[in-house]
N, C-alpha and C. Protein backbone atom coordinates (compact mmCIF):
# COMPACT_ATOMS: atom_id res chain seq x y z
N MET A 1 125.70 -79.79 -19.45
CA MET A 1 125.15 -81.09 -19.33
C MET A 1 124.25 -81.14 -18.12
N TRP A 2 123.17 -81.87 -18.22
CA TRP A 2 122.22 -81.93 -17.10
C TRP A 2 122.56 -83.04 -16.10
N GLN A 3 122.09 -82.87 -14.94
CA GLN A 3 122.46 -83.75 -13.85
C GLN A 3 121.19 -84.31 -13.20
N LEU A 4 121.15 -85.60 -12.89
CA LEU A 4 119.99 -86.22 -12.28
C LEU A 4 119.90 -85.80 -10.79
N SER A 5 118.68 -85.67 -10.32
CA SER A 5 118.53 -85.39 -8.88
C SER A 5 118.91 -86.63 -8.08
N SER A 6 119.13 -86.46 -6.79
CA SER A 6 119.50 -87.63 -5.99
C SER A 6 118.38 -88.63 -5.99
N ASN A 7 117.13 -88.23 -6.01
CA ASN A 7 116.00 -89.18 -6.07
C ASN A 7 116.04 -90.00 -7.36
N ALA A 8 116.35 -89.32 -8.44
CA ALA A 8 116.44 -90.00 -9.77
C ALA A 8 117.61 -91.01 -9.74
N ASN A 9 118.78 -90.62 -9.16
CA ASN A 9 119.88 -91.49 -9.05
C ASN A 9 119.55 -92.75 -8.23
N GLU A 10 118.86 -92.55 -7.10
CA GLU A 10 118.46 -93.63 -6.26
C GLU A 10 117.48 -94.58 -7.01
N ARG A 11 116.59 -93.97 -7.71
CA ARG A 11 115.60 -94.79 -8.49
C ARG A 11 116.32 -95.61 -9.56
N ARG A 12 117.25 -94.95 -10.30
CA ARG A 12 118.04 -95.68 -11.31
C ARG A 12 118.80 -96.77 -10.69
N ASP A 13 119.44 -96.58 -9.53
CA ASP A 13 120.24 -97.61 -8.86
C ASP A 13 119.37 -98.79 -8.44
N ARG A 14 118.14 -98.50 -7.91
CA ARG A 14 117.21 -99.55 -7.55
C ARG A 14 116.82 -100.39 -8.71
N LEU A 15 116.49 -99.68 -9.83
CA LEU A 15 116.10 -100.42 -11.08
C LEU A 15 117.22 -101.26 -11.55
N MET A 16 118.46 -100.72 -11.53
CA MET A 16 119.59 -101.54 -11.99
C MET A 16 119.83 -102.78 -11.07
N SER A 17 119.66 -102.55 -9.81
CA SER A 17 119.81 -103.71 -8.85
C SER A 17 118.76 -104.75 -9.14
N ARG A 18 117.54 -104.31 -9.35
CA ARG A 18 116.47 -105.25 -9.62
C ARG A 18 116.73 -106.01 -10.93
N PHE A 19 117.18 -105.25 -11.93
CA PHE A 19 117.49 -105.87 -13.22
C PHE A 19 118.61 -106.94 -13.03
N VAL A 20 119.65 -106.64 -12.34
CA VAL A 20 120.77 -107.52 -12.15
C VAL A 20 120.29 -108.79 -11.33
N ILE A 21 119.55 -108.58 -10.29
CA ILE A 21 119.05 -109.72 -9.48
C ILE A 21 118.09 -110.56 -10.30
N THR A 22 117.17 -109.95 -11.05
CA THR A 22 116.23 -110.72 -11.84
C THR A 22 116.92 -111.49 -12.91
N THR A 23 117.94 -110.91 -13.58
CA THR A 23 118.71 -111.60 -14.60
C THR A 23 119.44 -112.80 -13.99
N ALA A 24 120.08 -112.61 -12.85
CA ALA A 24 120.80 -113.69 -12.17
C ALA A 24 119.86 -114.83 -11.78
N MET A 25 118.65 -114.43 -11.27
CA MET A 25 117.70 -115.52 -10.91
C MET A 25 117.23 -116.28 -12.18
N ALA A 26 116.96 -115.54 -13.25
CA ALA A 26 116.51 -116.24 -14.44
C ALA A 26 117.60 -117.15 -15.00
N LEU A 27 118.84 -116.75 -14.93
CA LEU A 27 119.94 -117.58 -15.40
C LEU A 27 120.07 -118.80 -14.52
N GLY A 28 119.96 -118.61 -13.26
CA GLY A 28 120.02 -119.74 -12.32
C GLY A 28 118.91 -120.74 -12.57
N LEU A 29 117.72 -120.25 -12.80
CA LEU A 29 116.60 -121.18 -13.09
C LEU A 29 116.79 -121.85 -14.39
N ALA A 30 117.30 -121.16 -15.40
CA ALA A 30 117.56 -121.81 -16.68
C ALA A 30 118.61 -122.90 -16.55
N LEU A 31 119.65 -122.68 -15.81
CA LEU A 31 120.72 -123.66 -15.65
C LEU A 31 120.16 -124.84 -14.85
N GLY A 32 119.38 -124.57 -13.85
CA GLY A 32 118.77 -125.66 -13.06
C GLY A 32 117.82 -126.49 -13.87
N ALA A 33 117.06 -125.80 -14.74
CA ALA A 33 116.15 -126.53 -15.62
C ALA A 33 116.89 -127.41 -16.62
N ALA A 34 118.05 -126.91 -17.09
CA ALA A 34 118.84 -127.69 -18.00
C ALA A 34 119.39 -128.97 -17.30
N GLY A 35 119.82 -128.80 -16.07
CA GLY A 35 120.25 -129.99 -15.30
C GLY A 35 119.13 -131.00 -15.10
N SER A 36 117.94 -130.47 -14.78
CA SER A 36 116.78 -131.33 -14.56
C SER A 36 116.39 -132.02 -15.86
N ALA A 37 116.49 -131.27 -16.98
CA ALA A 37 116.15 -131.84 -18.27
C ALA A 37 117.13 -132.96 -18.58
N GLN A 38 118.41 -132.77 -18.30
CA GLN A 38 119.41 -133.79 -18.57
C GLN A 38 119.14 -135.01 -17.76
N ALA A 39 118.77 -134.82 -16.47
CA ALA A 39 118.45 -135.97 -15.63
C ALA A 39 117.23 -136.68 -16.16
N ALA A 40 116.24 -135.94 -16.58
CA ALA A 40 115.02 -136.53 -17.11
C ALA A 40 115.35 -137.28 -18.45
N ASP A 41 116.21 -136.71 -19.26
CA ASP A 41 116.64 -137.38 -20.49
C ASP A 41 117.35 -138.72 -20.19
N SER A 42 118.19 -138.67 -19.18
CA SER A 42 118.96 -139.91 -18.79
C SER A 42 118.00 -141.00 -18.30
N LYS A 43 117.02 -140.61 -17.57
CA LYS A 43 115.98 -141.61 -17.14
C LYS A 43 115.24 -142.17 -18.36
N GLN A 44 114.89 -141.30 -19.31
CA GLN A 44 114.21 -141.75 -20.49
C GLN A 44 115.08 -142.75 -21.28
N VAL A 45 116.35 -142.40 -21.46
CA VAL A 45 117.30 -143.28 -22.16
C VAL A 45 117.38 -144.58 -21.43
N PHE A 46 117.50 -144.57 -20.11
CA PHE A 46 117.62 -145.80 -19.34
C PHE A 46 116.35 -146.59 -19.48
N ASP A 47 115.20 -145.98 -19.35
CA ASP A 47 113.92 -146.68 -19.45
C ASP A 47 113.75 -147.35 -20.85
N PHE A 48 114.26 -146.67 -21.90
CA PHE A 48 114.11 -147.21 -23.24
C PHE A 48 115.08 -148.32 -23.55
N TYR A 49 116.34 -148.10 -23.19
CA TYR A 49 117.38 -149.08 -23.62
C TYR A 49 117.75 -150.13 -22.55
N CYS A 50 117.55 -149.80 -21.28
CA CYS A 50 118.10 -150.64 -20.22
C CYS A 50 117.08 -151.33 -19.33
N ALA A 51 115.95 -150.68 -19.14
CA ALA A 51 115.02 -151.16 -18.08
C ALA A 51 114.43 -152.53 -18.44
N GLN A 52 114.33 -152.87 -19.70
CA GLN A 52 113.74 -154.18 -20.07
C GLN A 52 114.48 -155.32 -19.37
N CYS A 53 115.74 -155.20 -19.16
CA CYS A 53 116.53 -156.26 -18.49
C CYS A 53 116.93 -155.85 -17.06
N HIS A 54 117.35 -154.61 -16.89
CA HIS A 54 117.82 -154.17 -15.59
C HIS A 54 116.72 -153.68 -14.65
N GLY A 55 115.51 -153.55 -15.18
CA GLY A 55 114.39 -153.09 -14.37
C GLY A 55 114.32 -151.58 -14.26
N THR A 56 113.16 -151.04 -14.10
CA THR A 56 113.06 -149.56 -13.96
C THR A 56 113.71 -149.02 -12.73
N ALA A 57 113.83 -149.85 -11.72
CA ALA A 57 114.54 -149.45 -10.53
C ALA A 57 116.03 -149.81 -10.54
N GLY A 58 116.45 -150.44 -11.65
CA GLY A 58 117.90 -150.83 -11.77
C GLY A 58 118.23 -152.05 -10.95
N ASP A 59 117.30 -152.81 -10.49
CA ASP A 59 117.56 -153.94 -9.58
C ASP A 59 117.80 -155.30 -10.32
N GLY A 60 117.87 -155.24 -11.62
CA GLY A 60 118.08 -156.46 -12.43
C GLY A 60 116.89 -157.32 -12.63
N LYS A 61 115.70 -156.74 -12.37
CA LYS A 61 114.47 -157.49 -12.47
C LYS A 61 113.54 -156.93 -13.53
N GLY A 62 114.07 -156.80 -14.75
CA GLY A 62 113.31 -156.21 -15.86
C GLY A 62 112.33 -157.21 -16.44
N ILE A 63 111.42 -156.71 -17.23
CA ILE A 63 110.35 -157.55 -17.77
C ILE A 63 110.88 -158.63 -18.72
N ASN A 64 112.02 -158.45 -19.30
CA ASN A 64 112.56 -159.49 -20.20
C ASN A 64 113.23 -160.66 -19.42
N VAL A 65 113.41 -160.50 -18.13
CA VAL A 65 114.12 -161.52 -17.36
C VAL A 65 113.12 -162.56 -16.87
N THR A 66 113.37 -163.78 -17.38
CA THR A 66 112.47 -164.91 -16.99
C THR A 66 113.38 -166.00 -16.35
N LYS A 67 112.78 -167.05 -15.92
CA LYS A 67 113.59 -168.19 -15.32
C LYS A 67 114.49 -168.81 -16.36
N ASP A 68 114.17 -168.63 -17.66
CA ASP A 68 115.02 -169.15 -18.71
C ASP A 68 116.11 -168.19 -19.17
N PHE A 69 116.17 -167.04 -18.57
CA PHE A 69 117.19 -166.04 -18.97
C PHE A 69 118.56 -166.61 -18.62
N ALA A 70 119.51 -166.52 -19.57
CA ALA A 70 120.76 -167.13 -19.39
C ALA A 70 121.63 -166.60 -18.23
N THR A 71 121.44 -165.36 -17.89
CA THR A 71 122.24 -164.74 -16.86
C THR A 71 121.41 -163.65 -16.17
N ASP A 72 121.77 -163.32 -14.94
CA ASP A 72 121.08 -162.25 -14.24
C ASP A 72 121.70 -160.92 -14.63
N PRO A 73 120.89 -159.96 -15.08
CA PRO A 73 121.39 -158.63 -15.42
C PRO A 73 121.94 -158.01 -14.11
N ARG A 74 122.87 -157.10 -14.31
CA ARG A 74 123.51 -156.38 -13.20
C ARG A 74 122.47 -155.65 -12.35
N ASN A 75 122.57 -155.76 -11.02
CA ASN A 75 121.73 -155.03 -10.11
C ASN A 75 122.45 -153.73 -9.78
N PHE A 76 122.00 -152.62 -10.38
CA PHE A 76 122.65 -151.34 -10.13
C PHE A 76 122.42 -150.75 -8.75
N THR A 77 121.54 -151.37 -7.98
CA THR A 77 121.25 -150.86 -6.63
C THR A 77 122.13 -151.57 -5.58
N ASN A 78 122.95 -152.56 -6.02
CA ASN A 78 123.84 -153.28 -5.08
C ASN A 78 125.12 -152.42 -4.92
N VAL A 79 125.19 -151.74 -3.80
CA VAL A 79 126.33 -150.84 -3.55
C VAL A 79 127.64 -151.59 -3.56
N ALA A 80 127.72 -152.69 -2.83
CA ALA A 80 128.99 -153.44 -2.73
C ALA A 80 129.51 -153.85 -4.16
N ASP A 81 128.63 -154.32 -4.98
CA ASP A 81 129.02 -154.75 -6.30
C ASP A 81 129.35 -153.53 -7.22
N MET A 82 128.56 -152.50 -7.13
CA MET A 82 128.77 -151.36 -8.02
C MET A 82 130.02 -150.56 -7.64
N GLU A 83 130.43 -150.59 -6.39
CA GLU A 83 131.65 -149.86 -6.01
C GLU A 83 132.89 -150.56 -6.51
N LYS A 84 132.77 -151.79 -6.95
CA LYS A 84 133.89 -152.54 -7.58
C LYS A 84 134.08 -152.12 -9.04
N ARG A 85 133.13 -151.43 -9.58
CA ARG A 85 133.18 -151.03 -10.99
C ARG A 85 133.63 -149.62 -11.19
N SER A 86 134.61 -149.40 -12.04
CA SER A 86 135.06 -148.08 -12.35
C SER A 86 134.07 -147.43 -13.31
N ASP A 87 134.09 -146.12 -13.40
CA ASP A 87 133.25 -145.45 -14.40
C ASP A 87 133.63 -145.87 -15.79
N GLU A 88 134.92 -146.08 -16.03
CA GLU A 88 135.38 -146.54 -17.37
C GLU A 88 134.85 -147.92 -17.69
N ASP A 89 134.79 -148.81 -16.69
CA ASP A 89 134.18 -150.16 -16.88
C ASP A 89 132.74 -150.04 -17.35
N ILE A 90 131.96 -149.24 -16.65
CA ILE A 90 130.55 -149.09 -16.94
C ILE A 90 130.36 -148.43 -18.29
N ARG A 91 131.15 -147.37 -18.52
CA ARG A 91 131.07 -146.68 -19.81
C ARG A 91 131.36 -147.67 -20.98
N GLY A 92 132.39 -148.52 -20.75
CA GLY A 92 132.77 -149.47 -21.77
C GLY A 92 131.67 -150.48 -22.05
N VAL A 93 131.01 -150.97 -21.02
CA VAL A 93 129.96 -151.93 -21.18
C VAL A 93 128.76 -151.34 -21.92
N ILE A 94 128.44 -150.08 -21.55
CA ILE A 94 127.34 -149.37 -22.22
C ILE A 94 127.68 -149.26 -23.72
N LYS A 95 128.92 -148.85 -24.03
CA LYS A 95 129.30 -148.63 -25.42
C LYS A 95 129.55 -149.91 -26.21
N ASP A 96 130.23 -150.91 -25.59
CA ASP A 96 130.72 -152.05 -26.30
C ASP A 96 129.98 -153.39 -25.93
N GLY A 97 129.06 -153.31 -24.97
CA GLY A 97 128.33 -154.54 -24.62
C GLY A 97 128.99 -155.44 -23.61
N GLY A 98 128.29 -156.43 -23.16
CA GLY A 98 128.78 -157.36 -22.17
C GLY A 98 130.11 -158.05 -22.49
N PRO A 99 130.28 -158.54 -23.77
CA PRO A 99 131.51 -159.24 -24.07
C PRO A 99 132.76 -158.36 -23.91
N SER A 100 132.61 -157.07 -23.89
CA SER A 100 133.76 -156.22 -23.73
C SER A 100 134.53 -156.41 -22.38
N ILE A 101 133.80 -156.99 -21.40
CA ILE A 101 134.39 -157.29 -20.09
C ILE A 101 134.16 -158.77 -19.76
N SER A 102 134.05 -159.61 -20.79
CA SER A 102 133.84 -161.02 -20.63
C SER A 102 132.59 -161.34 -19.90
N LYS A 103 131.55 -160.59 -20.16
CA LYS A 103 130.23 -160.82 -19.59
C LYS A 103 129.28 -161.24 -20.70
N SER A 104 128.05 -161.35 -20.35
CA SER A 104 127.01 -161.86 -21.30
C SER A 104 126.88 -161.13 -22.58
N PRO A 105 126.77 -161.85 -23.71
CA PRO A 105 126.51 -161.26 -24.98
C PRO A 105 125.09 -160.71 -25.06
N LEU A 106 124.24 -161.09 -24.09
CA LEU A 106 122.90 -160.54 -24.07
C LEU A 106 122.85 -159.03 -23.79
N MET A 107 123.91 -158.52 -23.24
CA MET A 107 124.08 -157.06 -22.98
C MET A 107 124.61 -156.49 -24.30
N PRO A 108 123.72 -155.84 -25.06
CA PRO A 108 124.15 -155.32 -26.38
C PRO A 108 125.02 -154.06 -26.32
N PRO A 109 125.82 -153.82 -27.34
CA PRO A 109 126.59 -152.58 -27.37
C PRO A 109 125.69 -151.41 -27.86
N TRP A 110 125.79 -150.33 -27.16
CA TRP A 110 124.99 -149.11 -27.56
C TRP A 110 125.86 -148.00 -28.05
N GLY A 111 127.14 -148.27 -28.26
CA GLY A 111 128.01 -147.16 -28.68
C GLY A 111 127.72 -146.53 -30.03
N ALA A 112 127.12 -147.31 -30.91
CA ALA A 112 126.77 -146.76 -32.28
C ALA A 112 125.39 -146.13 -32.20
N THR A 113 124.65 -146.34 -31.11
CA THR A 113 123.31 -145.79 -31.03
C THR A 113 123.22 -144.55 -30.14
N LEU A 114 123.92 -144.51 -29.04
CA LEU A 114 123.91 -143.44 -28.08
C LEU A 114 125.02 -142.42 -28.33
N THR A 115 124.75 -141.17 -28.09
CA THR A 115 125.78 -140.14 -28.15
C THR A 115 126.66 -140.24 -26.91
N ALA A 116 127.80 -139.61 -26.97
CA ALA A 116 128.72 -139.61 -25.78
C ALA A 116 128.01 -138.95 -24.56
N ALA A 117 127.23 -137.93 -24.84
CA ALA A 117 126.48 -137.28 -23.74
C ALA A 117 125.44 -138.23 -23.12
N GLU A 118 124.77 -139.02 -23.95
CA GLU A 118 123.79 -139.96 -23.44
C GLU A 118 124.49 -141.08 -22.60
N VAL A 119 125.64 -141.49 -23.08
CA VAL A 119 126.42 -142.50 -22.30
C VAL A 119 126.84 -141.96 -20.97
N ASP A 120 127.33 -140.73 -20.96
CA ASP A 120 127.72 -140.07 -19.71
C ASP A 120 126.50 -139.85 -18.79
N GLY A 121 125.38 -139.50 -19.38
CA GLY A 121 124.13 -139.34 -18.63
C GLY A 121 123.71 -140.70 -17.99
N LEU A 122 123.79 -141.75 -18.79
CA LEU A 122 123.41 -143.09 -18.26
C LEU A 122 124.35 -143.45 -17.11
N LEU A 123 125.62 -143.22 -17.29
CA LEU A 123 126.60 -143.50 -16.22
C LEU A 123 126.26 -142.82 -14.92
N ALA A 124 125.96 -141.51 -15.06
CA ALA A 124 125.54 -140.74 -13.85
C ALA A 124 124.25 -141.27 -13.26
N TYR A 125 123.32 -141.63 -14.09
CA TYR A 125 122.01 -142.17 -13.62
C TYR A 125 122.22 -143.48 -12.92
N ILE A 126 123.08 -144.33 -13.43
CA ILE A 126 123.35 -145.62 -12.80
C ILE A 126 124.05 -145.39 -11.44
N ARG A 127 124.99 -144.50 -11.41
CA ARG A 127 125.67 -144.20 -10.12
C ARG A 127 124.67 -143.65 -9.10
N LYS A 128 123.68 -142.90 -9.59
CA LYS A 128 122.66 -142.38 -8.67
C LYS A 128 121.82 -143.53 -8.14
N MET A 129 121.57 -144.53 -8.92
CA MET A 129 120.79 -145.71 -8.43
C MET A 129 121.46 -146.42 -7.28
N CYS A 130 122.73 -146.58 -7.35
CA CYS A 130 123.43 -147.28 -6.30
C CYS A 130 123.89 -146.31 -5.16
N ASN A 131 123.85 -145.04 -5.45
CA ASN A 131 124.32 -144.04 -4.49
C ASN A 131 125.68 -144.43 -4.00
N CYS A 132 126.58 -144.73 -4.92
CA CYS A 132 127.92 -145.21 -4.58
C CYS A 132 128.96 -144.44 -5.42
N LYS A 133 130.18 -144.66 -5.01
CA LYS A 133 131.29 -144.06 -5.72
C LYS A 133 131.96 -145.10 -6.59
N ALA A 134 132.62 -144.62 -7.62
CA ALA A 134 133.31 -145.55 -8.55
C ALA A 134 134.60 -146.05 -7.93
N LYS A 135 134.97 -147.27 -8.37
CA LYS A 135 136.27 -147.80 -8.07
C LYS A 135 137.31 -146.91 -8.68
N LYS A 136 138.38 -146.63 -7.97
CA LYS A 136 139.45 -145.72 -8.54
C LYS A 136 140.43 -146.54 -9.34
């Protein structure tokens, strides 16, 4: 059986190291891109379903809110208010609408429209708006 010279072994080892490093970097970039894509998707879902009332900044000042609007939409940027809400409360309102927690029927239920992943993405996006933690 033939044997590689020490130079050939070193070259093979360098190539393998480069391959492993390149593969790890590509995988890391792909996973990072997937996370960024999910965040972008959550923003798009929010902008489509929520921003008309809650505003694109989540401050409750959407284009549908007028002086005749029956109630003020939740301000997701209000840390003190949002820290009183558990993730389950928010998830429930997204899925079942305002009446599910004795709030306005103007907040429609999206549970039949959004996937579980989209609801979870919205929840994370809303938490990011207030930069707050959920009530335990």
